[in-house]
Amino acid sequence: MAEFDWVTERANCSIAAVFAKFQTGVANDASTWNTLPDSASRKIDIVEAAPVFKAVRRGVPSAGLWYVQFTCDAAAIRIRSNDDAIRIDATLTLNNAGECRLKVGANQELELWQVRRMALEQLFFGA
């Protein structure tokens, strides 16, 4: 059995590469949401102004959650909602299985879709 090349794998687990995949995933999530029958009154647009992008609920902003903003810096992917109800800082880690994962909080290692769900579920399904 060959030795696992953790150095190369960790180098490939870069914040820029993961953020690009994350952004594509958010766009796909919004596209899927927008095709569902229950989404008719709450369509989601992706607004990009690099290095920031937002998932924005169409229509006039009202009280409560109407957008989620995603930014990336050298240390983390940072996710904030307009009402500050959602505040996630996700850093990268190469776990013991050799998988590139996002780390949220002290020890929570998550896949990209799990962090996207945390960020977008209230925007899509909330009141």
N, C-alpha and C. Protein backbone atom coordinates (compact mmCIF):
# COMPACT_ATOMS: atom_id res chain seq x y z
N MET A 1 0.84 -1.18 0.00
CA MET A 1 0.00 0.00 0.00
C MET A 1 0.89 1.24 0.00
N ALA A 2 0.60 2.17 -0.88
CA ALA A 2 1.40 3.39 -1.00
C ALA A 2 1.11 4.33 0.17
N GLU A 3 2.11 5.06 0.53
CA GLU A 3 1.98 6.07 1.58
C GLU A 3 1.07 7.19 1.09
N PHE A 4 0.17 7.66 1.94
CA PHE A 4 -0.75 8.75 1.59
C PHE A 4 0.02 10.07 1.53
N ASP A 5 -0.11 10.78 0.45
CA ASP A 5 0.59 12.06 0.24
C ASP A 5 -0.26 13.19 0.82
N TRP A 6 -0.23 13.32 2.13
CA TRP A 6 -1.08 14.31 2.80
C TRP A 6 -0.67 15.74 2.46
N VAL A 7 0.59 15.98 2.16
CA VAL A 7 1.06 17.33 1.85
C VAL A 7 0.40 17.83 0.56
N THR A 8 0.42 17.00 -0.48
CA THR A 8 -0.21 17.38 -1.74
C THR A 8 -1.72 17.52 -1.57
N GLU A 9 -2.32 16.58 -0.86
CA GLU A 9 -3.77 16.64 -0.64
C GLU A 9 -4.17 17.90 0.13
N ARG A 10 -3.39 18.25 1.13
CA ARG A 10 -3.70 19.47 1.89
C ARG A 10 -3.49 20.71 1.04
N ALA A 11 -2.47 20.71 0.19
CA ALA A 11 -2.24 21.85 -0.70
C ALA A 11 -3.41 22.00 -1.69
N ASN A 12 -3.97 20.89 -2.14
CA ASN A 12 -5.13 20.94 -3.03
C ASN A 12 -6.39 21.36 -2.31
N CYS A 13 -6.37 21.29 -1.02
CA CYS A 13 -7.50 21.69 -0.18
C CYS A 13 -7.32 23.17 0.17
N SER A 14 -7.25 24.01 -0.87
CA SER A 14 -7.02 25.43 -0.65
C SER A 14 -8.34 26.18 -0.48
N ILE A 15 -8.30 27.27 0.23
CA ILE A 15 -9.51 28.05 0.50
C ILE A 15 -10.11 28.57 -0.81
N ALA A 16 -9.29 29.00 -1.76
CA ALA A 16 -9.81 29.52 -3.04
C ALA A 16 -10.52 28.43 -3.83
N ALA A 17 -9.94 27.24 -3.89
CA ALA A 17 -10.55 26.14 -4.63
C ALA A 17 -11.86 25.69 -3.98
N VAL A 18 -11.86 25.59 -2.67
CA VAL A 18 -13.06 25.17 -1.95
C VAL A 18 -14.15 26.23 -2.07
N PHE A 19 -13.78 27.52 -1.99
CA PHE A 19 -14.78 28.59 -2.12
C PHE A 19 -15.42 28.56 -3.51
N ALA A 20 -14.63 28.29 -4.54
CA ALA A 20 -15.19 28.20 -5.90
C ALA A 20 -16.19 27.06 -6.00
N LYS A 21 -15.87 25.90 -5.43
CA LYS A 21 -16.81 24.78 -5.41
C LYS A 21 -18.05 25.13 -4.59
N PHE A 22 -17.83 25.82 -3.48
CA PHE A 22 -18.92 26.22 -2.60
C PHE A 22 -19.88 27.16 -3.35
N GLN A 23 -19.32 28.12 -4.08
CA GLN A 23 -20.13 29.08 -4.84
C GLN A 23 -20.95 28.36 -5.91
N THR A 24 -20.34 27.43 -6.60
CA THR A 24 -21.07 26.64 -7.60
C THR A 24 -22.20 25.86 -6.94
N GLY A 25 -21.94 25.30 -5.78
CA GLY A 25 -22.97 24.56 -5.06
C GLY A 25 -24.13 25.44 -4.64
N VAL A 26 -23.85 26.66 -4.16
CA VAL A 26 -24.91 27.59 -3.78
C VAL A 26 -25.76 27.95 -5.00
N ALA A 27 -25.11 28.22 -6.13
CA ALA A 27 -25.84 28.54 -7.36
C ALA A 27 -26.72 27.37 -7.79
N ASN A 28 -26.21 26.15 -7.68
CA ASN A 28 -27.01 24.97 -8.02
C ASN A 28 -28.18 24.80 -7.06
N ASP A 29 -27.94 25.04 -5.78
CA ASP A 29 -29.02 24.96 -4.78
C ASP A 29 -30.13 25.95 -5.12
N ALA A 30 -29.75 27.19 -5.44
CA ALA A 30 -30.74 28.22 -5.78
C ALA A 30 -31.50 27.84 -7.04
N SER A 31 -30.81 27.31 -8.02
CA SER A 31 -31.45 26.89 -9.26
C SER A 31 -32.46 25.78 -8.99
N THR A 32 -32.08 24.82 -8.19
CA THR A 32 -32.99 23.73 -7.83
C THR A 32 -34.19 24.28 -7.09
N TRP A 33 -33.96 25.14 -6.12
CA TRP A 33 -35.05 25.75 -5.34
C TRP A 33 -36.03 26.47 -6.26
N ASN A 34 -35.49 27.23 -7.19
CA ASN A 34 -36.34 28.05 -8.07
C ASN A 34 -37.23 27.21 -8.99
N THR A 35 -36.94 25.93 -9.16
CA THR A 35 -37.78 25.07 -10.00
C THR A 35 -38.89 24.38 -9.20
N LEU A 36 -38.84 24.45 -7.88
CA LEU A 36 -39.85 23.78 -7.06
C LEU A 36 -41.15 24.58 -7.02
N PRO A 37 -42.28 23.90 -7.01
CA PRO A 37 -43.57 24.59 -6.99
C PRO A 37 -43.75 25.51 -5.78
N ASP A 38 -43.26 25.12 -4.62
CA ASP A 38 -43.44 25.92 -3.40
C ASP A 38 -42.59 27.18 -3.37
N SER A 39 -41.71 27.34 -4.35
CA SER A 39 -40.81 28.50 -4.34
C SER A 39 -41.36 29.70 -5.11
N ALA A 40 -42.54 29.58 -5.67
CA ALA A 40 -43.07 30.62 -6.58
C ALA A 40 -42.99 32.03 -6.00
N SER A 41 -43.29 32.19 -4.73
CA SER A 41 -43.28 33.53 -4.13
C SER A 41 -41.95 33.88 -3.49
N ARG A 42 -40.98 32.97 -3.55
CA ARG A 42 -39.70 33.21 -2.89
C ARG A 42 -38.53 32.76 -3.75
N LYS A 43 -38.47 33.22 -4.96
CA LYS A 43 -37.35 32.88 -5.85
C LYS A 43 -36.06 33.45 -5.28
N ILE A 44 -34.96 32.77 -5.57
CA ILE A 44 -33.65 33.17 -5.07
C ILE A 44 -32.74 33.53 -6.25
N ASP A 45 -32.10 34.68 -6.16
CA ASP A 45 -31.12 35.11 -7.15
C ASP A 45 -29.73 35.06 -6.52
N ILE A 46 -28.74 34.77 -7.33
CA ILE A 46 -27.35 34.84 -6.90
C ILE A 46 -26.77 36.14 -7.46
N VAL A 47 -26.27 36.98 -6.58
CA VAL A 47 -25.70 38.27 -6.96
C VAL A 47 -24.21 38.20 -6.65
N GLU A 48 -23.40 38.39 -7.68
CA GLU A 48 -21.95 38.28 -7.53
C GLU A 48 -21.28 39.64 -7.68
N ALA A 49 -20.38 39.92 -6.77
CA ALA A 49 -19.50 41.09 -6.83
C ALA A 49 -18.20 40.65 -6.16
N ALA A 50 -17.38 39.91 -6.92
CA ALA A 50 -16.18 39.27 -6.37
C ALA A 50 -15.42 40.23 -5.45
N PRO A 51 -14.97 39.76 -4.32
CA PRO A 51 -14.92 38.38 -3.85
C PRO A 51 -16.13 37.99 -2.98
N VAL A 52 -17.23 38.67 -3.14
CA VAL A 52 -18.44 38.42 -2.35
C VAL A 52 -19.55 37.95 -3.28
N PHE A 53 -20.39 37.05 -2.79
CA PHE A 53 -21.63 36.77 -3.51
C PHE A 53 -22.73 36.58 -2.48
N LYS A 54 -23.96 36.79 -2.94
CA LYS A 54 -25.12 36.70 -2.06
C LYS A 54 -26.19 35.83 -2.70
N ALA A 55 -26.91 35.11 -1.87
CA ALA A 55 -28.16 34.46 -2.26
C ALA A 55 -29.25 35.39 -1.75
N VAL A 56 -30.05 35.95 -2.67
CA VAL A 56 -31.00 37.01 -2.32
C VAL A 56 -32.41 36.57 -2.69
N ARG A 57 -33.33 36.72 -1.74
CA ARG A 57 -34.73 36.44 -2.02
C ARG A 57 -35.28 37.59 -2.85
N ARG A 58 -35.93 37.26 -3.96
CA ARG A 58 -36.51 38.29 -4.83
C ARG A 58 -37.60 39.06 -4.11
N GLY A 59 -37.82 40.28 -4.58
CA GLY A 59 -38.88 41.10 -4.02
C GLY A 59 -38.31 42.16 -3.10
N VAL A 60 -39.19 42.88 -2.52
CA VAL A 60 -38.80 43.98 -1.63
C VAL A 60 -38.32 43.42 -0.30
N PRO A 61 -37.16 43.87 0.16
CA PRO A 61 -36.70 43.40 1.47
C PRO A 61 -37.72 43.74 2.55
N SER A 62 -37.92 42.80 3.42
CA SER A 62 -38.82 43.01 4.54
C SER A 62 -38.09 42.62 5.82
N ALA A 63 -38.79 42.71 6.90
CA ALA A 63 -38.18 42.30 8.17
C ALA A 63 -37.79 40.84 8.09
N GLY A 64 -36.74 40.50 8.73
CA GLY A 64 -36.31 39.11 8.73
C GLY A 64 -35.25 38.83 7.69
N LEU A 65 -35.06 37.57 7.44
CA LEU A 65 -34.00 37.12 6.55
C LEU A 65 -34.39 37.30 5.09
N TRP A 66 -33.56 38.01 4.31
CA TRP A 66 -33.82 38.13 2.88
C TRP A 66 -32.55 37.96 2.04
N TYR A 67 -31.38 37.86 2.68
CA TYR A 67 -30.20 37.45 1.92
C TYR A 67 -29.18 36.79 2.83
N VAL A 68 -28.32 35.99 2.22
CA VAL A 68 -27.18 35.39 2.89
C VAL A 68 -25.96 35.74 2.05
N GLN A 69 -24.93 36.28 2.71
CA GLN A 69 -23.72 36.74 2.03
C GLN A 69 -22.56 35.79 2.33
N PHE A 70 -21.79 35.52 1.29
CA PHE A 70 -20.64 34.62 1.38
C PHE A 70 -19.38 35.36 0.97
N THR A 71 -18.37 35.33 1.82
CA THR A 71 -17.09 35.92 1.50
C THR A 71 -15.99 34.91 1.84
N CYS A 72 -14.82 35.19 1.31
CA CYS A 72 -13.69 34.30 1.55
C CYS A 72 -12.46 35.16 1.77
N ASP A 73 -11.70 34.82 2.80
CA ASP A 73 -10.41 35.47 2.99
C ASP A 73 -9.36 34.37 3.15
N ALA A 74 -8.17 34.72 3.51
CA ALA A 74 -7.09 33.74 3.59
C ALA A 74 -7.34 32.66 4.65
N ALA A 75 -8.20 32.96 5.62
CA ALA A 75 -8.39 32.04 6.74
C ALA A 75 -9.68 31.23 6.68
N ALA A 76 -10.75 31.78 6.06
CA ALA A 76 -12.04 31.11 6.19
C ALA A 76 -13.03 31.56 5.13
N ILE A 77 -14.07 30.75 4.99
CA ILE A 77 -15.28 31.15 4.28
C ILE A 77 -16.19 31.72 5.35
N ARG A 78 -16.64 32.95 5.12
CA ARG A 78 -17.46 33.64 6.13
C ARG A 78 -18.87 33.84 5.56
N ILE A 79 -19.84 33.44 6.35
CA ILE A 79 -21.23 33.48 5.92
C ILE A 79 -22.02 34.31 6.92
N ARG A 80 -22.76 35.29 6.39
CA ARG A 80 -23.56 36.18 7.24
C ARG A 80 -24.90 36.42 6.58
N SER A 81 -25.96 36.52 7.38
CA SER A 81 -27.26 36.90 6.85
C SER A 81 -27.49 38.38 7.13
N ASN A 82 -28.45 38.98 6.42
CA ASN A 82 -28.71 40.41 6.59
C ASN A 82 -29.12 40.75 8.01
N ASP A 83 -29.74 39.81 8.71
CA ASP A 83 -30.19 40.06 10.08
C ASP A 83 -29.22 39.51 11.13
N ASP A 84 -28.06 39.04 10.70
CA ASP A 84 -27.03 38.46 11.57
C ASP A 84 -27.48 37.20 12.32
N ALA A 85 -28.62 36.63 11.92
CA ALA A 85 -29.06 35.39 12.54
C ALA A 85 -28.15 34.23 12.16
N ILE A 86 -27.59 34.31 10.97
CA ILE A 86 -26.66 33.28 10.50
C ILE A 86 -25.26 33.88 10.47
N ARG A 87 -24.37 33.29 11.23
CA ARG A 87 -22.98 33.72 11.29
C ARG A 87 -22.11 32.47 11.37
N ILE A 88 -21.52 32.14 10.24
CA ILE A 88 -20.71 30.92 10.16
C ILE A 88 -19.32 31.29 9.65
N ASP A 89 -18.31 30.82 10.34
CA ASP A 89 -16.94 30.91 9.85
C ASP A 89 -16.45 29.48 9.66
N ALA A 90 -16.16 29.12 8.42
CA ALA A 90 -15.75 27.76 8.10
C ALA A 90 -14.30 27.76 7.62
N THR A 91 -13.46 27.05 8.33
CA THR A 91 -12.06 26.90 7.95
C THR A 91 -11.88 25.53 7.30
N LEU A 92 -10.70 25.30 6.76
CA LEU A 92 -10.44 24.03 6.09
C LEU A 92 -9.64 23.09 6.97
N THR A 93 -9.88 21.81 6.73
CA THR A 93 -9.08 20.79 7.39
C THR A 93 -8.98 19.58 6.48
N LEU A 94 -7.92 18.87 6.61
CA LEU A 94 -7.76 17.57 5.97
C LEU A 94 -7.96 16.56 7.09
N ASN A 95 -9.06 15.83 7.06
CA ASN A 95 -9.37 14.95 8.19
C ASN A 95 -8.53 13.67 8.15
N ASN A 96 -8.73 12.82 9.12
CA ASN A 96 -7.93 11.60 9.23
C ASN A 96 -8.21 10.58 8.14
N ALA A 97 -9.30 10.78 7.40
CA ALA A 97 -9.59 9.91 6.25
C ALA A 97 -8.99 10.48 4.97
N GLY A 98 -8.30 11.62 5.07
CA GLY A 98 -7.66 12.24 3.92
C GLY A 98 -8.62 13.05 3.07
N GLU A 99 -9.74 13.47 3.66
CA GLU A 99 -10.76 14.24 2.94
C GLU A 99 -10.69 15.71 3.32
N CYS A 100 -10.81 16.56 2.31
CA CYS A 100 -10.86 18.00 2.54
C CYS A 100 -12.25 18.34 3.06
N ARG A 101 -12.33 18.94 4.23
CA ARG A 101 -13.61 19.26 4.86
C ARG A 101 -13.59 20.68 5.39
N LEU A 102 -14.79 21.22 5.57
CA LEU A 102 -14.93 22.51 6.24
C LEU A 102 -15.10 22.26 7.72
N LYS A 103 -14.45 23.08 8.50
CA LYS A 103 -14.52 22.94 9.95
C LYS A 103 -15.30 24.13 10.50
N VAL A 104 -16.38 23.84 11.18
CA VAL A 104 -17.23 24.87 11.77
C VAL A 104 -17.24 24.65 13.27
N GLY A 105 -17.00 25.71 14.02
CA GLY A 105 -16.94 25.55 15.46
C GLY A 105 -15.67 24.83 15.86
N ALA A 106 -15.67 24.30 17.05
CA ALA A 106 -14.47 23.69 17.60
C ALA A 106 -14.07 22.41 16.88
N ASN A 107 -15.01 21.50 16.66
CA ASN A 107 -14.63 20.20 16.12
C ASN A 107 -15.60 19.64 15.09
N GLN A 108 -16.46 20.45 14.53
CA GLN A 108 -17.45 19.95 13.59
C GLN A 108 -16.90 19.98 12.17
N GLU A 109 -16.56 18.81 11.63
CA GLU A 109 -16.07 18.68 10.25
C GLU A 109 -17.24 18.35 9.35
N LEU A 110 -17.48 19.21 8.35
CA LEU A 110 -18.66 19.07 7.50
C LEU A 110 -18.31 19.06 6.03
N GLU A 111 -19.16 18.42 5.24
CA GLU A 111 -19.04 18.48 3.79
C GLU A 111 -19.63 19.79 3.31
N LEU A 112 -19.31 20.17 2.07
CA LEU A 112 -19.79 21.45 1.53
C LEU A 112 -21.30 21.56 1.59
N TRP A 113 -22.03 20.51 1.21
CA TRP A 113 -23.49 20.58 1.19
C TRP A 113 -24.05 20.82 2.58
N GLN A 114 -23.39 20.30 3.60
CA GLN A 114 -23.89 20.48 4.97
C GLN A 114 -23.78 21.94 5.41
N VAL A 115 -22.69 22.60 5.04
CA VAL A 115 -22.53 24.01 5.38
C VAL A 115 -23.49 24.86 4.56
N ARG A 116 -23.68 24.49 3.30
CA ARG A 116 -24.66 25.22 2.47
C ARG A 116 -26.06 25.09 3.07
N ARG A 117 -26.41 23.92 3.55
CA ARG A 117 -27.72 23.74 4.19
C ARG A 117 -27.84 24.63 5.42
N MET A 118 -26.81 24.66 6.23
CA MET A 118 -26.83 25.52 7.42
C MET A 118 -27.06 26.99 7.04
N ALA A 119 -26.45 27.39 5.94
CA ALA A 119 -26.51 28.79 5.51
C ALA A 119 -27.82 29.13 4.81
N LEU A 120 -28.37 28.21 4.04
CA LEU A 120 -29.48 28.55 3.14
C LEU A 120 -30.85 28.02 3.56
N GLU A 121 -30.90 27.09 4.46
CA GLU A 121 -32.19 26.44 4.79
C GLU A 121 -33.24 27.45 5.23
N GLN A 122 -32.88 28.38 6.08
CA GLN A 122 -33.85 29.38 6.55
C GLN A 122 -34.28 30.31 5.42
N LEU A 123 -33.35 30.68 4.54
CA LEU A 123 -33.69 31.54 3.40
C LEU A 123 -34.68 30.85 2.47
N PHE A 124 -34.45 29.57 2.21
CA PHE A 124 -35.33 28.82 1.30
C PHE A 124 -36.65 28.43 1.95
N PHE A 125 -36.58 27.89 3.15
CA PHE A 125 -37.76 27.26 3.76
C PHE A 125 -38.38 28.05 4.91
N GLY A 126 -37.69 29.08 5.39
CA GLY A 126 -38.22 29.86 6.51
C GLY A 126 -39.36 30.76 6.12
N ALA A 127 -39.99 31.32 7.12
CA ALA A 127 -41.15 32.22 6.89
C ALA A 127 -40.70 33.52 6.26
